[in-house]
C-alpha cells in the first residue's frame, strides 16, 4: 500500500467542526483523484440559491408579468416569498411552489479535508487535493487499514507505541553494531600488531644468523 495521506487514518473530513474519517467510497474516489464529494452539498445549495435569486430578480423586473397574469399576481408571489438576500427560506414559499423548484438542499456550513495533526488545511484550496495522493514520509502516518473501529486517540497512542518500539529496536541494533565494530577493530589491530611482531622477530633472527656467519 502506498504511504500517502489518503491511505492514512488521520486523513479526515471536517463537517461543521466534526472530524469524520473518509468512507470507503470517498477514499476510493479520492485515490482516483476525484474529490467532488467535498463540498458537494454546499455547491448544490449555492446552485439552488442562485436559481432562486435569478427568478426573484426576474419577477421584480417584470419578466414574468404576462406569463403569470399581470403585476398583481407577481406582487402576490413576491410578497409570499423569501427575499434571497436574507435567505431564511420559509415554507410554503410562493416562488418555490409556482416554479416547481425542489426544496432547498441542506448543507453544512463547513466541509473540507484536514489532517488530524493540523499539518494540512485544504479549506478553500481544493486544487491542492491531488497532493494527498502523493507518496510522503509523514511521521504521523498511521495506516487506514489498521484503524477499523478505533478512535483517533487510540490510533495516536498505538502509532506512538509503534514508533517507540521501532526506536528501541533501532537503538539496540546500533548498540550491537557498535560492539561488533569495536571487536572487529580490536581483532584487526591485534592482527596487525602480531604481524608487526612476527616481522620484527623474523628480521632479528635473520640479523642474528648473518652475525654468526
N, C-alpha and C. Protein backbone atom coordinates (compact mmCIF):
# COMPACT_ATOMS: atom_id res chain seq x y z
N UNK A 1 0.85 -1.20 0.00
CA UNK A 1 0.00 0.00 0.00
C UNK A 1 0.88 1.25 0.00
N UNK A 2 0.56 2.17 -0.89
CA UNK A 2 1.35 3.40 -0.98
C UNK A 2 1.18 4.24 0.27
N UNK A 3 2.29 4.73 0.80
CA UNK A 3 2.25 5.55 2.01
C UNK A 3 1.94 7.00 1.61
N UNK A 4 0.66 7.33 1.58
CA UNK A 4 0.23 8.68 1.23
C UNK A 4 -0.88 9.10 2.18
N UNK A 5 -1.23 10.37 2.16
CA UNK A 5 -2.24 10.90 3.08
C UNK A 5 -3.57 10.17 2.96
N UNK A 6 -3.97 9.82 1.75
CA UNK A 6 -5.26 9.20 1.55
C UNK A 6 -5.32 7.78 2.10
N UNK A 7 -4.17 7.17 2.35
CA UNK A 7 -4.13 5.85 2.96
C UNK A 7 -3.87 5.93 4.45
N UNK A 8 -3.95 7.15 4.99
CA UNK A 8 -3.69 7.37 6.41
C UNK A 8 -5.01 7.52 7.17
N UNK A 9 -5.05 6.94 8.36
CA UNK A 9 -6.27 7.02 9.18
C UNK A 9 -6.58 8.45 9.59
N UNK A 10 -5.57 9.31 9.61
CA UNK A 10 -5.75 10.69 10.06
C UNK A 10 -6.16 11.64 8.94
N UNK A 11 -6.38 11.10 7.73
CA UNK A 11 -6.91 11.92 6.65
C UNK A 11 -8.41 12.02 6.88
N UNK A 12 -8.84 13.15 7.38
CA UNK A 12 -10.23 13.30 7.82
C UNK A 12 -10.96 14.42 7.08
N UNK A 13 -12.27 14.34 7.15
CA UNK A 13 -13.13 15.35 6.55
C UNK A 13 -13.82 16.11 7.68
N UNK A 14 -13.66 17.42 7.68
CA UNK A 14 -14.26 18.25 8.71
C UNK A 14 -15.61 18.75 8.22
N UNK A 15 -16.66 18.36 8.93
CA UNK A 15 -18.02 18.81 8.60
C UNK A 15 -18.62 19.45 9.85
N UNK A 16 -18.81 20.76 9.76
CA UNK A 16 -19.36 21.51 10.90
C UNK A 16 -18.59 21.24 12.20
N UNK A 17 -17.28 21.39 12.13
CA UNK A 17 -16.38 21.23 13.28
C UNK A 17 -16.31 19.80 13.81
N UNK A 18 -16.86 18.86 13.06
CA UNK A 18 -16.80 17.45 13.46
C UNK A 18 -15.87 16.70 12.51
N UNK A 19 -14.87 15.99 13.07
CA UNK A 19 -13.93 15.24 12.25
C UNK A 19 -14.51 13.87 11.91
N UNK A 20 -14.47 13.54 10.62
CA UNK A 20 -15.01 12.27 10.17
C UNK A 20 -13.99 11.56 9.28
N UNK A 21 -13.76 10.30 9.56
CA UNK A 21 -12.89 9.51 8.68
C UNK A 21 -13.58 9.34 7.34
N UNK A 22 -12.82 9.42 6.26
CA UNK A 22 -13.41 9.23 4.94
C UNK A 22 -14.03 7.84 4.84
N UNK A 23 -15.18 7.78 4.20
CA UNK A 23 -15.82 6.49 3.97
C UNK A 23 -15.02 5.73 2.92
N UNK A 24 -15.28 4.43 2.79
CA UNK A 24 -14.58 3.63 1.79
C UNK A 24 -14.82 4.16 0.39
N UNK A 25 -16.05 4.59 0.13
CA UNK A 25 -16.38 5.12 -1.20
C UNK A 25 -15.66 6.44 -1.44
N UNK A 26 -15.64 7.32 -0.44
CA UNK A 26 -14.94 8.60 -0.57
C UNK A 26 -13.45 8.38 -0.78
N UNK A 27 -12.88 7.44 -0.04
CA UNK A 27 -11.45 7.17 -0.16
C UNK A 27 -11.13 6.61 -1.55
N UNK A 28 -12.03 5.75 -2.05
CA UNK A 28 -11.84 5.18 -3.37
C UNK A 28 -11.86 6.27 -4.44
N UNK A 29 -12.81 7.22 -4.31
CA UNK A 29 -12.89 8.33 -5.25
C UNK A 29 -11.65 9.21 -5.16
N UNK A 30 -11.22 9.48 -3.93
CA UNK A 30 -10.06 10.35 -3.73
C UNK A 30 -8.80 9.74 -4.32
N UNK A 31 -8.63 8.43 -4.16
CA UNK A 31 -7.46 7.75 -4.71
C UNK A 31 -7.45 7.80 -6.23
N UNK A 32 -8.65 8.03 -6.82
CA UNK A 32 -8.75 8.21 -8.27
C UNK A 32 -8.73 9.70 -8.62
N UNK A 33 -8.29 10.52 -7.65
CA UNK A 33 -8.21 11.99 -7.81
C UNK A 33 -9.56 12.63 -8.10
N UNK A 34 -10.60 12.05 -7.54
CA UNK A 34 -11.94 12.62 -7.66
C UNK A 34 -12.38 13.06 -6.26
N UNK A 35 -12.38 14.37 -6.03
CA UNK A 35 -12.72 14.92 -4.71
C UNK A 35 -14.05 15.68 -4.74
N UNK A 36 -14.92 15.32 -5.69
CA UNK A 36 -16.19 16.03 -5.83
C UNK A 36 -17.07 15.90 -4.59
N UNK A 37 -16.84 14.88 -3.78
CA UNK A 37 -17.69 14.68 -2.60
C UNK A 37 -17.47 15.76 -1.55
N UNK A 38 -16.31 16.44 -1.59
CA UNK A 38 -16.04 17.52 -0.62
C UNK A 38 -16.80 18.77 -1.05
N UNK A 39 -17.71 19.24 -0.21
CA UNK A 39 -18.48 20.44 -0.51
C UNK A 39 -19.60 20.22 -1.51
N UNK A 40 -19.93 18.96 -1.79
CA UNK A 40 -20.97 18.66 -2.77
C UNK A 40 -22.30 19.27 -2.37
N UNK A 41 -22.68 19.10 -1.10
CA UNK A 41 -23.96 19.66 -0.62
C UNK A 41 -23.93 21.19 -0.64
N UNK A 42 -22.78 21.77 -0.32
CA UNK A 42 -22.67 23.23 -0.34
C UNK A 42 -22.84 23.78 -1.75
N UNK A 43 -22.23 23.09 -2.71
CA UNK A 43 -22.36 23.53 -4.11
C UNK A 43 -23.81 23.40 -4.59
N UNK A 44 -24.48 22.33 -4.18
CA UNK A 44 -25.88 22.14 -4.59
C UNK A 44 -26.76 23.24 -4.01
N UNK A 45 -26.49 23.60 -2.77
CA UNK A 45 -27.27 24.66 -2.13
C UNK A 45 -27.02 26.01 -2.79
N UNK A 46 -25.77 26.30 -3.12
CA UNK A 46 -25.45 27.57 -3.78
C UNK A 46 -26.10 27.65 -5.15
N UNK A 47 -26.13 26.52 -5.87
CA UNK A 47 -26.76 26.49 -7.19
C UNK A 47 -28.26 26.75 -7.06
N UNK A 48 -28.88 26.16 -6.05
CA UNK A 48 -30.31 26.37 -5.81
C UNK A 48 -30.58 27.83 -5.47
N UNK A 49 -29.76 28.39 -4.60
CA UNK A 49 -29.93 29.80 -4.20
C UNK A 49 -29.73 30.74 -5.39
N UNK A 50 -28.77 30.38 -6.25
CA UNK A 50 -28.52 31.20 -7.43
C UNK A 50 -29.73 31.20 -8.36
N UNK A 51 -30.34 30.02 -8.55
CA UNK A 51 -31.53 29.91 -9.39
C UNK A 51 -32.70 30.68 -8.77
N UNK A 52 -32.86 30.53 -7.47
CA UNK A 52 -33.94 31.22 -6.76
C UNK A 52 -33.78 32.73 -6.89
N UNK A 53 -32.58 33.23 -6.69
CA UNK A 53 -32.32 34.67 -6.77
C UNK A 53 -32.60 35.20 -8.19
N UNK A 54 -32.23 34.39 -9.19
CA UNK A 54 -32.46 34.81 -10.58
C UNK A 54 -33.96 34.96 -10.85
N UNK A 55 -34.74 33.99 -10.37
CA UNK A 55 -36.19 34.05 -10.56
C UNK A 55 -36.77 35.26 -9.81
N UNK A 56 -36.31 35.46 -8.59
CA UNK A 56 -36.79 36.59 -7.78
C UNK A 56 -36.50 37.91 -8.49
N UNK A 57 -35.28 38.05 -9.00
CA UNK A 57 -34.89 39.29 -9.70
C UNK A 57 -35.71 39.47 -10.97
N UNK A 58 -35.93 38.37 -11.70
CA UNK A 58 -36.72 38.46 -12.94
C UNK A 58 -38.17 38.86 -12.63
N UNK A 59 -38.71 38.32 -11.54
CA UNK A 59 -40.07 38.71 -11.13
C UNK A 59 -40.11 40.19 -10.80
N UNK A 60 -39.09 40.68 -10.10
CA UNK A 60 -39.05 42.09 -9.70
C UNK A 60 -38.93 43.00 -10.90
N UNK A 61 -38.30 42.53 -11.98
CA UNK A 61 -38.13 43.35 -13.18
C UNK A 61 -39.29 43.22 -14.15
N UNK A 62 -40.26 42.37 -13.82
CA UNK A 62 -41.44 42.24 -14.67
C UNK A 62 -41.31 41.23 -15.78
N UNK A 63 -40.31 40.41 -15.75
CA UNK A 63 -40.09 39.43 -16.82
C UNK A 63 -41.27 38.47 -16.94
N UNK A 64 -41.90 38.13 -15.78
CA UNK A 64 -42.96 37.12 -15.80
C UNK A 64 -44.37 37.72 -15.73
N UNK A 65 -44.51 39.03 -15.95
CA UNK A 65 -45.82 39.68 -15.83
C UNK A 65 -46.87 39.02 -16.73
N UNK A 66 -46.55 38.89 -18.00
CA UNK A 66 -47.52 38.33 -18.95
C UNK A 66 -47.78 36.86 -18.67
N UNK A 67 -46.73 36.14 -18.36
CA UNK A 67 -46.85 34.69 -18.15
C UNK A 67 -47.68 34.36 -16.90
N UNK A 68 -47.58 35.23 -15.88
CA UNK A 68 -48.24 34.96 -14.61
C UNK A 68 -49.53 35.77 -14.41
N UNK A 69 -50.00 36.41 -15.48
CA UNK A 69 -51.31 37.09 -15.41
C UNK A 69 -51.26 38.49 -14.85
N UNK A 70 -50.15 39.21 -14.99
CA UNK A 70 -50.10 40.61 -14.59
C UNK A 70 -49.31 40.87 -13.32
N UNK A 71 -49.08 42.19 -13.10
CA UNK A 71 -48.24 42.62 -12.00
C UNK A 71 -48.79 42.29 -10.63
N UNK A 72 -50.14 42.26 -10.48
CA UNK A 72 -50.72 41.98 -9.17
C UNK A 72 -50.38 40.56 -8.71
N UNK A 73 -50.48 39.64 -9.65
CA UNK A 73 -50.15 38.24 -9.32
C UNK A 73 -48.67 38.10 -8.97
N UNK A 74 -47.84 38.81 -9.73
CA UNK A 74 -46.39 38.76 -9.47
C UNK A 74 -46.10 39.33 -8.09
N UNK A 75 -46.73 40.45 -7.76
CA UNK A 75 -46.53 41.07 -6.45
C UNK A 75 -46.97 40.12 -5.34
N UNK A 76 -48.06 39.40 -5.58
CA UNK A 76 -48.55 38.44 -4.59
C UNK A 76 -47.52 37.33 -4.35
N UNK A 77 -46.91 36.89 -5.45
CA UNK A 77 -45.89 35.83 -5.33
C UNK A 77 -44.68 36.35 -4.56
N UNK A 78 -44.25 37.57 -4.88
CA UNK A 78 -43.09 38.15 -4.20
C UNK A 78 -43.37 38.36 -2.71
N UNK A 79 -44.60 38.77 -2.41
CA UNK A 79 -44.97 39.03 -1.02
C UNK A 79 -44.89 37.75 -0.18
N UNK A 80 -45.20 36.63 -0.80
CA UNK A 80 -45.20 35.36 -0.07
C UNK A 80 -43.95 34.52 -0.37
N UNK A 81 -42.90 35.21 -0.69
CA UNK A 81 -41.62 34.54 -0.95
C UNK A 81 -40.52 35.19 -0.13
N UNK A 82 -39.53 34.44 0.22
CA UNK A 82 -38.39 34.97 0.99
C UNK A 82 -37.49 35.80 0.08
N UNK A 83 -36.97 36.87 0.66
CA UNK A 83 -36.01 37.69 -0.07
C UNK A 83 -34.67 36.91 -0.13
N UNK A 84 -34.09 36.72 -1.35
CA UNK A 84 -32.84 35.95 -1.47
C UNK A 84 -31.67 36.56 -0.72
N UNK A 85 -31.73 37.86 -0.42
CA UNK A 85 -30.65 38.50 0.33
C UNK A 85 -30.67 38.07 1.80
N UNK A 86 -31.86 37.73 2.29
CA UNK A 86 -31.97 37.25 3.67
C UNK A 86 -31.77 35.73 3.73
N UNK A 87 -32.36 35.08 2.82
CA UNK A 87 -32.30 33.62 2.66
C UNK A 87 -32.64 32.83 3.89
N UNK A 88 -33.69 33.28 4.57
CA UNK A 88 -34.27 32.39 5.56
C UNK A 88 -35.44 31.74 4.86
N UNK A 89 -35.14 30.88 3.91
CA UNK A 89 -36.17 30.29 3.05
C UNK A 89 -37.31 29.70 3.88
N UNK A 90 -38.48 30.37 3.78
CA UNK A 90 -39.64 29.93 4.55
C UNK A 90 -40.57 29.10 3.66
N UNK A 91 -41.27 28.18 4.28
CA UNK A 91 -42.21 27.35 3.54
C UNK A 91 -43.58 27.47 4.19
N UNK A 92 -44.69 27.56 3.43
CA UNK A 92 -44.67 27.49 1.97
C UNK A 92 -44.08 28.76 1.34
N UNK A 93 -43.44 28.60 0.21
CA UNK A 93 -42.78 29.70 -0.48
C UNK A 93 -43.38 29.78 -1.88
N UNK A 94 -43.93 30.94 -2.22
CA UNK A 94 -44.66 31.10 -3.49
C UNK A 94 -43.78 30.87 -4.71
N UNK A 95 -42.53 31.34 -4.67
CA UNK A 95 -41.64 31.14 -5.82
C UNK A 95 -41.36 29.65 -6.01
N UNK A 96 -41.04 28.98 -4.91
CA UNK A 96 -40.75 27.53 -4.97
C UNK A 96 -41.95 26.78 -5.53
N UNK A 97 -43.14 27.13 -5.06
CA UNK A 97 -44.34 26.42 -5.50
C UNK A 97 -44.70 26.77 -6.94
N UNK A 98 -44.63 28.06 -7.28
CA UNK A 98 -45.01 28.50 -8.63
C UNK A 98 -44.09 27.92 -9.70
N UNK A 99 -42.81 27.94 -9.44
CA UNK A 99 -41.84 27.46 -10.43
C UNK A 99 -41.41 26.01 -10.19
N UNK A 100 -42.12 25.34 -9.27
CA UNK A 100 -41.93 23.92 -9.01
C UNK A 100 -40.45 23.57 -8.74
N UNK A 101 -39.86 24.40 -7.92
CA UNK A 101 -38.47 24.14 -7.53
C UNK A 101 -38.43 23.08 -6.44
N UNK A 102 -37.41 22.26 -6.42
CA UNK A 102 -37.27 21.29 -5.33
C UNK A 102 -36.93 22.04 -4.04
N UNK A 103 -37.08 21.41 -2.90
CA UNK A 103 -36.71 22.08 -1.65
C UNK A 103 -35.24 22.49 -1.66
N UNK A 104 -34.93 23.54 -0.92
CA UNK A 104 -33.54 23.99 -0.84
C UNK A 104 -32.70 22.89 -0.18
N UNK A 105 -31.63 22.44 -0.81
CA UNK A 105 -30.80 21.37 -0.24
C UNK A 105 -30.18 21.78 1.09
N UNK A 106 -30.11 20.84 1.98
CA UNK A 106 -29.40 21.08 3.24
C UNK A 106 -27.90 20.94 3.00
N UNK A 107 -27.13 21.76 3.68
CA UNK A 107 -25.68 21.70 3.50
C UNK A 107 -24.99 22.18 4.77
N UNK A 108 -23.87 21.57 5.12
CA UNK A 108 -23.11 22.03 6.29
C UNK A 108 -22.47 23.38 5.99
N UNK A 109 -22.22 24.17 7.02
CA UNK A 109 -21.56 25.45 6.79
C UNK A 109 -20.04 25.26 6.61
N UNK A 110 -19.53 24.08 7.02
CA UNK A 110 -18.12 23.75 6.82
C UNK A 110 -18.02 22.36 6.21
N UNK A 111 -17.11 22.20 5.25
CA UNK A 111 -16.87 20.89 4.66
C UNK A 111 -15.53 20.95 3.94
N UNK A 112 -14.50 20.39 4.58
CA UNK A 112 -13.17 20.41 3.95
C UNK A 112 -12.32 19.28 4.51
N UNK A 113 -11.22 18.98 3.82
CA UNK A 113 -10.31 17.94 4.26
C UNK A 113 -9.24 18.57 5.15
N UNK A 114 -8.97 17.91 6.27
CA UNK A 114 -7.96 18.46 7.19
C UNK A 114 -7.26 17.31 7.88
N UNK A 115 -5.93 17.44 8.07
CA UNK A 115 -5.16 16.42 8.76
C UNK A 115 -5.43 16.49 10.26
N UNK A 116 -5.55 15.31 10.89
CA UNK A 116 -5.79 15.23 12.34
C UNK A 116 -4.73 16.01 13.10
N UNK A 117 -3.51 16.02 12.62
CA UNK A 117 -2.41 16.70 13.30
C UNK A 117 -2.23 18.15 12.83
N UNK A 118 -3.19 18.62 12.02
CA UNK A 118 -3.18 20.00 11.53
C UNK A 118 -1.93 20.33 10.71
N UNK A 119 -1.35 19.30 10.06
CA UNK A 119 -0.24 19.58 9.14
C UNK A 119 -0.77 20.23 7.87
N UNK A 120 -1.99 19.85 7.49
CA UNK A 120 -2.57 20.37 6.26
C UNK A 120 -3.93 20.99 6.57
N UNK A 121 -4.26 22.01 5.81
CA UNK A 121 -5.59 22.61 5.90
C UNK A 121 -5.99 23.02 4.49
N UNK A 122 -6.86 22.22 3.88
CA UNK A 122 -7.21 22.45 2.49
C UNK A 122 -8.52 23.23 2.33
N UNK A 123 -8.93 23.91 3.37
CA UNK A 123 -10.16 24.70 3.28
C UNK A 123 -9.97 25.80 2.24
N UNK A 124 -10.79 25.73 1.19
CA UNK A 124 -10.69 26.72 0.12
C UNK A 124 -9.52 26.49 -0.81
N UNK A 125 -8.88 25.31 -0.73
CA UNK A 125 -7.72 25.02 -1.59
C UNK A 125 -7.93 23.68 -2.29
N UNK A 126 -9.11 23.49 -2.87
CA UNK A 126 -9.46 22.22 -3.47
C UNK A 126 -8.50 21.81 -4.57
N UNK A 127 -7.84 22.78 -5.23
CA UNK A 127 -6.92 22.44 -6.31
C UNK A 127 -5.70 21.69 -5.81
N UNK A 128 -5.47 21.72 -4.49
CA UNK A 128 -4.30 21.04 -3.92
C UNK A 128 -4.62 19.63 -3.42
N UNK A 129 -5.86 19.21 -3.57
CA UNK A 129 -6.25 17.89 -3.08
C UNK A 129 -5.41 16.76 -3.69
N UNK A 130 -5.00 16.92 -4.96
CA UNK A 130 -4.28 15.84 -5.64
C UNK A 130 -2.96 15.51 -4.93
N UNK A 131 -2.42 16.47 -4.16
CA UNK A 131 -1.16 16.23 -3.46
C UNK A 131 -1.34 15.18 -2.36
N UNK A 132 -2.57 14.95 -1.93
CA UNK A 132 -2.83 13.96 -0.90
C UNK A 132 -2.60 12.53 -1.41
N UNK A 133 -2.53 12.40 -2.72
CA UNK A 133 -2.34 11.09 -3.33
C UNK A 133 -0.86 10.80 -3.62
N UNK A 134 0.00 11.73 -3.22
CA UNK A 134 1.43 11.56 -3.48
C UNK A 134 2.11 10.87 -2.31
N UNK A 135 3.11 10.06 -2.62
CA UNK A 135 3.85 9.35 -1.58
C UNK A 135 4.59 10.36 -0.72
N UNK A 136 4.55 10.16 0.61
CA UNK A 136 5.25 11.08 1.50
C UNK A 136 5.90 10.32 2.66
N UNK A 137 6.66 11.04 3.45
CA UNK A 137 7.35 10.46 4.60
C UNK A 137 6.85 11.08 5.90
N UNK A 138 5.57 11.30 5.98
CA UNK A 138 4.97 11.95 7.15
C UNK A 138 5.18 11.09 8.40
N UNK A 139 5.68 11.70 9.47
CA UNK A 139 5.93 10.98 10.71
C UNK A 139 4.65 10.59 11.43
N UNK A 140 3.54 11.21 11.04
CA UNK A 140 2.28 10.94 11.71
C UNK A 140 1.45 9.88 10.99
N UNK A 141 2.04 9.24 9.97
CA UNK A 141 1.29 8.27 9.18
C UNK A 141 0.85 7.08 10.02
N UNK A 142 -0.43 6.71 9.88
CA UNK A 142 -0.96 5.52 10.53
C UNK A 142 -1.93 4.89 9.53
N UNK A 143 -1.65 3.68 9.12
CA UNK A 143 -2.41 3.03 8.06
C UNK A 143 -3.91 3.02 8.33
N UNK A 144 -4.67 3.41 7.33
CA UNK A 144 -6.14 3.41 7.43
C UNK A 144 -6.66 2.00 7.68
N UNK A 145 -5.98 1.00 7.12
CA UNK A 145 -6.42 -0.39 7.29
C UNK A 145 -6.33 -0.86 8.74
N UNK A 146 -5.50 -0.18 9.55
CA UNK A 146 -5.33 -0.57 10.95
C UNK A 146 -6.34 0.12 11.86
N UNK A 147 -7.03 1.13 11.35
CA UNK A 147 -7.92 1.91 12.21
C UNK A 147 -9.14 1.11 12.65
N UNK A 148 -9.84 0.55 11.68
CA UNK A 148 -11.07 -0.19 11.98
C UNK A 148 -12.00 0.66 12.84
N UNK A 149 -12.33 0.20 14.06
CA UNK A 149 -13.26 0.95 14.89
C UNK A 149 -12.56 1.72 16.01
N UNK A 150 -11.27 1.89 15.90
CA UNK A 150 -10.52 2.61 16.93
C UNK A 150 -10.81 4.11 16.82
N UNK A 151 -10.72 4.79 17.94
CA UNK A 151 -10.86 6.25 17.94
C UNK A 151 -9.56 6.85 17.44
N UNK A 152 -9.60 8.16 17.10
CA UNK A 152 -8.37 8.83 16.67
C UNK A 152 -7.33 8.80 17.80
N UNK A 153 -7.81 8.97 19.03
CA UNK A 153 -6.89 8.96 20.17
C UNK A 153 -6.24 7.57 20.31
N UNK A 154 -7.03 6.52 20.08
CA UNK A 154 -6.49 5.17 20.15
C UNK A 154 -5.45 4.92 19.07
N UNK A 155 -5.74 5.39 17.86
CA UNK A 155 -4.77 5.26 16.76
C UNK A 155 -3.50 6.01 17.07
N UNK A 156 -3.66 7.21 17.67
CA UNK A 156 -2.50 8.03 18.00
C UNK A 156 -1.61 7.33 19.03
N UNK A 157 -2.22 6.74 20.05
CA UNK A 157 -1.44 6.04 21.07
C UNK A 157 -0.72 4.83 20.49
N UNK A 158 -1.41 4.10 19.62
CA UNK A 158 -0.79 2.93 19.00
C UNK A 158 0.35 3.35 18.08
N UNK A 159 0.13 4.46 17.35
CA UNK A 159 1.18 4.96 16.45
C UNK A 159 2.42 5.34 17.25
N UNK A 160 2.22 6.02 18.38
CA UNK A 160 3.35 6.41 19.23
C UNK A 160 4.06 5.19 19.80
N UNK A 161 3.27 4.16 20.18
CA UNK A 161 3.86 2.93 20.72
C UNK A 161 4.70 2.22 19.66
N UNK A 162 4.19 2.19 18.43
CA UNK A 162 4.93 1.56 17.34
C UNK A 162 6.22 2.32 17.04
N UNK A 163 6.14 3.66 17.11
CA UNK A 163 7.35 4.47 16.89
C UNK A 163 8.37 4.22 17.99
N UNK A 164 7.89 4.14 19.24
CA UNK A 164 8.79 3.90 20.37
C UNK A 164 9.45 2.53 20.23
N UNK A 165 8.68 1.52 19.82
CA UNK A 165 9.22 0.18 19.62
C UNK A 165 10.27 0.19 18.51
N UNK A 166 9.96 0.92 17.43
CA UNK A 166 10.89 1.00 16.31
C UNK A 166 12.20 1.67 16.73
N UNK A 167 12.07 2.75 17.53
CA UNK A 167 13.27 3.44 18.01
C UNK A 167 14.07 2.53 18.93
N UNK A 168 13.38 1.76 19.78
CA UNK A 168 14.05 0.84 20.71
C UNK A 168 14.84 -0.21 19.94
N UNK A 169 14.19 -0.80 18.94
CA UNK A 169 14.86 -1.82 18.12
C UNK A 169 16.05 -1.23 17.38
N UNK A 170 15.85 -0.05 16.81
CA UNK A 170 16.93 0.61 16.07
C UNK A 170 18.11 0.91 16.99
N UNK A 171 17.80 1.42 18.20
CA UNK A 171 18.86 1.73 19.17
C UNK A 171 19.63 0.48 19.56
N UNK A 172 18.91 -0.61 19.80
CA UNK A 172 19.58 -1.87 20.16
C UNK A 172 20.48 -2.38 19.05
N UNK A 173 20.00 -2.29 17.83
CA UNK A 173 20.81 -2.74 16.70
C UNK A 173 22.05 -1.87 16.54
N UNK A 174 21.90 -0.56 16.79
CA UNK A 174 23.05 0.34 16.71
C UNK A 174 24.08 0.00 17.78
N UNK A 175 23.58 -0.34 19.00
CA UNK A 175 24.49 -0.73 20.09
C UNK A 175 25.23 -2.00 19.71
N UNK A 176 24.47 -3.00 19.20
CA UNK A 176 25.10 -4.26 18.79
C UNK A 176 26.11 -4.02 17.67
N UNK A 177 25.73 -3.19 16.71
CA UNK A 177 26.64 -2.88 15.61
C UNK A 177 27.90 -2.20 16.12
N UNK A 178 27.70 -1.30 17.10
CA UNK A 178 28.86 -0.61 17.69
C UNK A 178 29.80 -1.59 18.37
N UNK A 179 29.23 -2.57 19.09
CA UNK A 179 30.04 -3.59 19.76
C UNK A 179 30.81 -4.43 18.74
N UNK A 180 30.10 -4.84 17.67
CA UNK A 180 30.74 -5.65 16.64
C UNK A 180 31.87 -4.89 15.95
N UNK A 181 31.63 -3.60 15.69
CA UNK A 181 32.67 -2.78 15.06
C UNK A 181 33.86 -2.65 15.99
N UNK A 182 33.61 -2.46 17.30
CA UNK A 182 34.70 -2.35 18.27
C UNK A 182 35.53 -3.63 18.32
N UNK A 183 34.82 -4.79 18.32
CA UNK A 183 35.51 -6.08 18.33
C UNK A 183 36.32 -6.27 17.06
N UNK A 184 35.71 -5.89 15.94
CA UNK A 184 36.40 -6.02 14.65
C UNK A 184 37.66 -5.16 14.61
N UNK A 185 37.55 -3.94 15.11
CA UNK A 185 38.72 -3.04 15.15
C UNK A 185 39.80 -3.63 16.04
N UNK A 186 39.38 -4.19 17.21
CA UNK A 186 40.35 -4.81 18.13
C UNK A 186 41.07 -5.98 17.47
N UNK A 187 40.28 -6.84 16.78
CA UNK A 187 40.86 -8.00 16.10
C UNK A 187 41.84 -7.57 15.02
N UNK A 188 41.45 -6.57 14.23
CA UNK A 188 42.32 -6.07 13.16
C UNK A 188 43.60 -5.49 13.73
N UNK A 189 43.45 -4.69 14.80
CA UNK A 189 44.63 -4.09 15.43
C UNK A 189 45.55 -5.16 16.00
N UNK A 190 44.94 -6.18 16.64
CA UNK A 190 45.74 -7.27 17.21
C UNK A 190 46.45 -8.04 16.11
N UNK A 191 45.71 -8.27 15.02
CA UNK A 191 46.32 -8.99 13.88
C UNK A 191 47.49 -8.21 13.31
N UNK A 192 47.29 -6.89 13.17
CA UNK A 192 48.37 -6.05 12.66
C UNK A 192 49.55 -6.04 13.61
N UNK A 193 49.25 -5.99 14.93
CA UNK A 193 50.32 -5.98 15.93
C UNK A 193 51.10 -7.29 15.89
N UNK A 194 50.38 -8.42 15.80
CA UNK A 194 51.05 -9.72 15.73
C UNK A 194 51.88 -9.84 14.47
N UNK A 195 51.35 -9.27 13.40
CA UNK A 195 52.07 -9.31 12.13
C UNK A 195 53.36 -8.49 12.21
N UNK A 196 53.28 -7.35 12.87
CA UNK A 196 54.47 -6.49 13.02
C UNK A 196 55.50 -7.19 13.91
N UNK A 197 55.02 -7.80 15.01
CA UNK A 197 55.93 -8.51 15.92
C UNK A 197 56.60 -9.67 15.20
N UNK A 198 55.83 -10.41 14.42
CA UNK A 198 56.38 -11.54 13.67
C UNK A 198 57.43 -11.07 12.66
N UNK A 199 57.12 -9.95 12.03
CA UNK A 199 58.05 -9.39 11.05
C UNK A 199 59.34 -8.95 11.73
N UNK A 200 59.19 -8.30 12.88
CA UNK A 200 60.39 -7.86 13.62
C UNK A 200 61.21 -9.05 14.12
N UNK A 201 60.50 -10.10 14.59
CA UNK A 201 61.18 -11.31 15.06
C UNK A 201 61.96 -11.97 13.93
N UNK A 202 61.34 -11.99 12.75
CA UNK A 202 61.98 -12.59 11.57
C UNK A 202 63.24 -11.80 11.21
N UNK A 203 63.12 -10.47 11.21
CA UNK A 203 64.28 -9.63 10.87
C UNK A 203 65.39 -9.81 11.91
N UNK A 204 65.02 -9.96 13.18
CA UNK A 204 66.01 -10.13 14.23
C UNK A 204 66.73 -11.46 14.08
N UNK A 205 65.95 -12.51 13.75
CA UNK A 205 66.56 -13.83 13.53
C UNK A 205 67.51 -13.80 12.35
N UNK A 206 67.11 -13.13 11.29
CA UNK A 206 67.95 -13.03 10.12
C UNK A 206 69.24 -12.28 10.44
N UNK A 207 69.11 -11.25 11.24
CA UNK A 207 70.28 -10.45 11.62
C UNK A 207 71.23 -11.27 12.47
N UNK A 208 70.66 -12.09 13.35
CA UNK A 208 71.48 -12.95 14.24
C UNK A 208 72.25 -13.99 13.43
N UNK A 209 71.57 -14.58 12.44
CA UNK A 209 72.24 -15.59 11.61
C UNK A 209 73.36 -14.96 10.78
N UNK A 210 73.12 -13.76 10.27
CA UNK A 210 74.14 -13.07 9.48
C UNK A 210 75.35 -12.77 10.34
N UNK A 211 75.14 -12.43 11.60
CA UNK A 211 76.23 -12.10 12.50
C UNK A 211 77.08 -13.35 12.79
N UNK A 212 76.40 -14.50 12.97
CA UNK A 212 77.12 -15.73 13.24
C UNK A 212 77.99 -16.15 12.07
N UNK A 213 77.54 -15.87 10.86
CA UNK A 213 78.31 -16.21 9.68
C UNK A 213 79.53 -15.28 9.53
